[in-house]
């Protein structure tokens, strides 16, 4: 995926943000690094690895909702 000024402008418009030209260059570099990182993750073989739904096996023990007056 190519990260260019048009993409940065589109993302800025969608998020209703305004960036100066210097900031757009930094954002473009950050986006390129993020995309590169995701591409590296896609190289991993995750065959047979179940999806992770939670970071731990702990179960939240929530209290009952009771009306108190």
N, C-alpha and C. Protein backbone atom coordinates (compact mmCIF):
# COMPACT_ATOMS: atom_id res chain seq x y z
N UNK A 1 0.84 -1.17 0.00
CA UNK A 1 0.00 0.00 0.00
C UNK A 1 0.89 1.24 0.00
N UNK A 2 0.58 2.13 -0.89
CA UNK A 2 1.37 3.35 -0.99
C UNK A 2 0.77 4.43 -0.08
N UNK A 3 1.63 4.99 0.74
CA UNK A 3 1.20 6.09 1.61
C UNK A 3 1.69 7.38 0.96
N UNK A 4 0.73 8.18 0.51
CA UNK A 4 1.09 9.44 -0.13
C UNK A 4 0.27 10.56 0.50
N UNK A 5 0.49 11.78 0.01
CA UNK A 5 -0.22 12.93 0.57
C UNK A 5 -1.73 12.81 0.40
N UNK A 6 -2.17 12.21 -0.70
CA UNK A 6 -3.60 12.05 -0.93
C UNK A 6 -4.23 11.17 0.16
N UNK A 7 -3.55 10.11 0.53
CA UNK A 7 -4.05 9.23 1.59
C UNK A 7 -4.08 9.96 2.93
N UNK A 8 -3.02 10.69 3.24
CA UNK A 8 -2.96 11.44 4.49
C UNK A 8 -4.08 12.49 4.52
N UNK A 9 -4.30 13.16 3.41
CA UNK A 9 -5.38 14.16 3.33
C UNK A 9 -6.75 13.51 3.53
N UNK A 10 -6.94 12.34 2.92
CA UNK A 10 -8.21 11.65 3.05
C UNK A 10 -8.46 11.23 4.50
N UNK A 11 -7.42 10.67 5.15
CA UNK A 11 -7.55 10.27 6.55
C UNK A 11 -7.80 11.48 7.45
N UNK A 12 -7.15 12.58 7.15
CA UNK A 12 -7.35 13.80 7.94
C UNK A 12 -8.79 14.29 7.79
N UNK A 13 -9.30 14.24 6.57
CA UNK A 13 -10.67 14.69 6.33
C UNK A 13 -11.66 13.78 7.06
N UNK A 14 -11.45 12.46 6.96
CA UNK A 14 -12.36 11.52 7.62
C UNK A 14 -12.35 11.68 9.14
N UNK A 15 -11.20 12.01 9.68
CA UNK A 15 -11.09 12.17 11.14
C UNK A 15 -11.31 13.61 11.58
N UNK A 16 -11.59 14.47 10.62
CA UNK A 16 -11.85 15.90 10.87
C UNK A 16 -10.67 16.55 11.61
N UNK A 17 -9.48 16.26 11.12
CA UNK A 17 -8.27 16.84 11.68
C UNK A 17 -7.60 17.71 10.63
N UNK A 18 -6.83 18.67 11.07
CA UNK A 18 -6.08 19.53 10.16
C UNK A 18 -4.60 19.41 10.51
N UNK A 19 -3.78 19.15 9.51
CA UNK A 19 -2.34 19.01 9.72
C UNK A 19 -1.59 19.99 8.83
N UNK A 20 -0.54 20.53 9.38
CA UNK A 20 0.37 21.36 8.58
C UNK A 20 1.17 20.44 7.67
N UNK A 21 1.79 20.98 6.65
CA UNK A 21 2.55 20.17 5.69
C UNK A 21 3.66 19.38 6.37
N UNK A 22 4.34 19.99 7.33
CA UNK A 22 5.42 19.30 8.05
C UNK A 22 4.87 18.10 8.82
N UNK A 23 3.71 18.28 9.43
CA UNK A 23 3.08 17.20 10.18
C UNK A 23 2.65 16.07 9.25
N UNK A 24 2.20 16.41 8.06
CA UNK A 24 1.78 15.39 7.11
C UNK A 24 2.94 14.47 6.74
N UNK A 25 4.13 15.03 6.63
CA UNK A 25 5.31 14.22 6.34
C UNK A 25 5.59 13.23 7.45
N UNK A 26 5.46 13.69 8.70
CA UNK A 26 5.69 12.81 9.84
C UNK A 26 4.61 11.72 9.91
N UNK A 27 3.38 12.10 9.64
CA UNK A 27 2.28 11.13 9.67
C UNK A 27 2.47 10.10 8.57
N UNK A 28 2.90 10.53 7.39
CA UNK A 28 3.15 9.60 6.29
C UNK A 28 4.23 8.59 6.68
N UNK A 29 5.28 9.04 7.33
CA UNK A 29 6.34 8.13 7.77
C UNK A 29 5.82 7.15 8.83
N UNK A 30 5.02 7.64 9.76
CA UNK A 30 4.44 6.77 10.79
C UNK A 30 3.54 5.70 10.16
N UNK A 31 2.71 6.11 9.22
CA UNK A 31 1.82 5.16 8.55
C UNK A 31 2.62 4.11 7.79
N UNK A 32 3.69 4.52 7.13
CA UNK A 32 4.53 3.57 6.41
C UNK A 32 5.15 2.56 7.36
N UNK A 33 5.60 3.02 8.53
CA UNK A 33 6.17 2.10 9.53
C UNK A 33 5.12 1.12 10.04
N UNK A 34 3.90 1.61 10.28
CA UNK A 34 2.82 0.73 10.75
C UNK A 34 2.46 -0.32 9.71
N UNK A 35 2.36 0.09 8.46
CA UNK A 35 2.04 -0.85 7.39
C UNK A 35 3.14 -1.88 7.24
N UNK A 36 4.39 -1.44 7.32
CA UNK A 36 5.51 -2.37 7.24
C UNK A 36 5.45 -3.39 8.38
N UNK A 37 5.10 -2.94 9.58
CA UNK A 37 5.00 -3.84 10.73
C UNK A 37 3.91 -4.88 10.50
N UNK A 38 2.76 -4.46 10.00
CA UNK A 38 1.66 -5.40 9.74
C UNK A 38 2.06 -6.39 8.65
N UNK A 39 2.77 -5.93 7.64
CA UNK A 39 3.23 -6.83 6.59
C UNK A 39 4.18 -7.88 7.15
N UNK A 40 5.05 -7.48 8.09
CA UNK A 40 5.94 -8.45 8.75
C UNK A 40 5.14 -9.46 9.54
N UNK A 41 4.10 -9.01 10.24
CA UNK A 41 3.26 -9.94 11.00
C UNK A 41 2.57 -10.94 10.08
N UNK A 42 2.19 -10.50 8.89
CA UNK A 42 1.53 -11.39 7.94
C UNK A 42 2.45 -12.51 7.45
N UNK A 43 3.75 -12.35 7.63
CA UNK A 43 4.70 -13.38 7.22
C UNK A 43 4.73 -14.56 8.19
N UNK A 44 4.21 -14.37 9.39
CA UNK A 44 4.22 -15.44 10.39
C UNK A 44 3.24 -16.54 10.03
N UNK A 45 3.66 -17.78 10.29
CA UNK A 45 2.76 -18.92 10.08
C UNK A 45 1.96 -19.14 11.36
N UNK A 46 0.68 -18.87 11.30
CA UNK A 46 -0.17 -19.03 12.47
C UNK A 46 -1.11 -20.24 12.32
N UNK A 47 -0.73 -21.16 11.45
CA UNK A 47 -1.53 -22.36 11.27
C UNK A 47 -1.62 -23.12 12.59
N UNK A 48 -2.83 -23.45 13.00
CA UNK A 48 -3.03 -24.21 14.22
C UNK A 48 -3.02 -23.38 15.49
N UNK A 49 -2.85 -22.09 15.38
CA UNK A 49 -2.86 -21.22 16.55
C UNK A 49 -4.27 -20.66 16.70
N UNK A 50 -4.93 -20.99 17.83
CA UNK A 50 -6.31 -20.49 17.99
C UNK A 50 -6.32 -18.97 18.19
N UNK A 51 -7.39 -18.32 17.76
CA UNK A 51 -7.48 -16.87 17.95
C UNK A 51 -7.49 -16.52 19.43
N UNK A 52 -6.88 -15.42 19.77
CA UNK A 52 -6.82 -14.94 21.15
C UNK A 52 -7.97 -13.97 21.37
N UNK A 53 -8.85 -14.34 22.26
CA UNK A 53 -9.99 -13.47 22.56
C UNK A 53 -9.70 -12.54 23.73
N UNK A 54 -8.92 -13.02 24.70
CA UNK A 54 -8.59 -12.24 25.89
C UNK A 54 -7.11 -12.46 26.21
N UNK A 55 -6.52 -11.50 26.90
CA UNK A 55 -5.10 -11.59 27.20
C UNK A 55 -4.79 -12.58 28.32
N UNK A 56 -5.79 -12.94 29.12
CA UNK A 56 -5.56 -13.91 30.19
C UNK A 56 -6.79 -14.80 30.34
N UNK A 57 -6.63 -15.86 31.12
CA UNK A 57 -7.74 -16.78 31.35
C UNK A 57 -8.62 -16.33 32.51
N UNK A 58 -8.29 -15.21 33.12
CA UNK A 58 -9.06 -14.71 34.25
C UNK A 58 -10.49 -14.36 33.82
N UNK A 59 -11.41 -14.58 34.73
CA UNK A 59 -12.80 -14.26 34.48
C UNK A 59 -13.20 -13.12 35.40
N UNK A 60 -13.82 -12.11 34.82
CA UNK A 60 -14.29 -10.99 35.65
C UNK A 60 -15.45 -11.46 36.52
N UNK A 61 -15.34 -11.22 37.79
CA UNK A 61 -16.42 -11.55 38.70
C UNK A 61 -17.13 -10.25 39.06
N UNK A 62 -18.24 -10.04 38.40
CA UNK A 62 -18.97 -8.80 38.57
C UNK A 62 -20.03 -8.97 39.67
N UNK A 63 -20.30 -7.92 40.39
CA UNK A 63 -21.33 -7.97 41.42
C UNK A 63 -22.69 -7.86 40.78
N UNK A 64 -23.69 -8.34 41.47
CA UNK A 64 -25.06 -8.24 40.97
C UNK A 64 -25.53 -6.79 41.06
N UNK A 65 -26.32 -6.39 40.11
CA UNK A 65 -26.94 -5.08 40.15
C UNK A 65 -28.13 -5.13 41.10
N UNK A 66 -28.08 -4.35 42.14
CA UNK A 66 -29.21 -4.29 43.06
C UNK A 66 -29.58 -2.83 43.27
N UNK A 67 -30.87 -2.58 43.33
CA UNK A 67 -31.34 -1.22 43.55
C UNK A 67 -31.26 -0.93 45.04
N UNK A 68 -30.64 0.17 45.36
CA UNK A 68 -30.56 0.57 46.76
C UNK A 68 -31.14 1.97 46.87
N UNK A 69 -31.93 2.17 47.91
CA UNK A 69 -32.62 3.46 47.99
C UNK A 69 -32.26 4.28 49.11
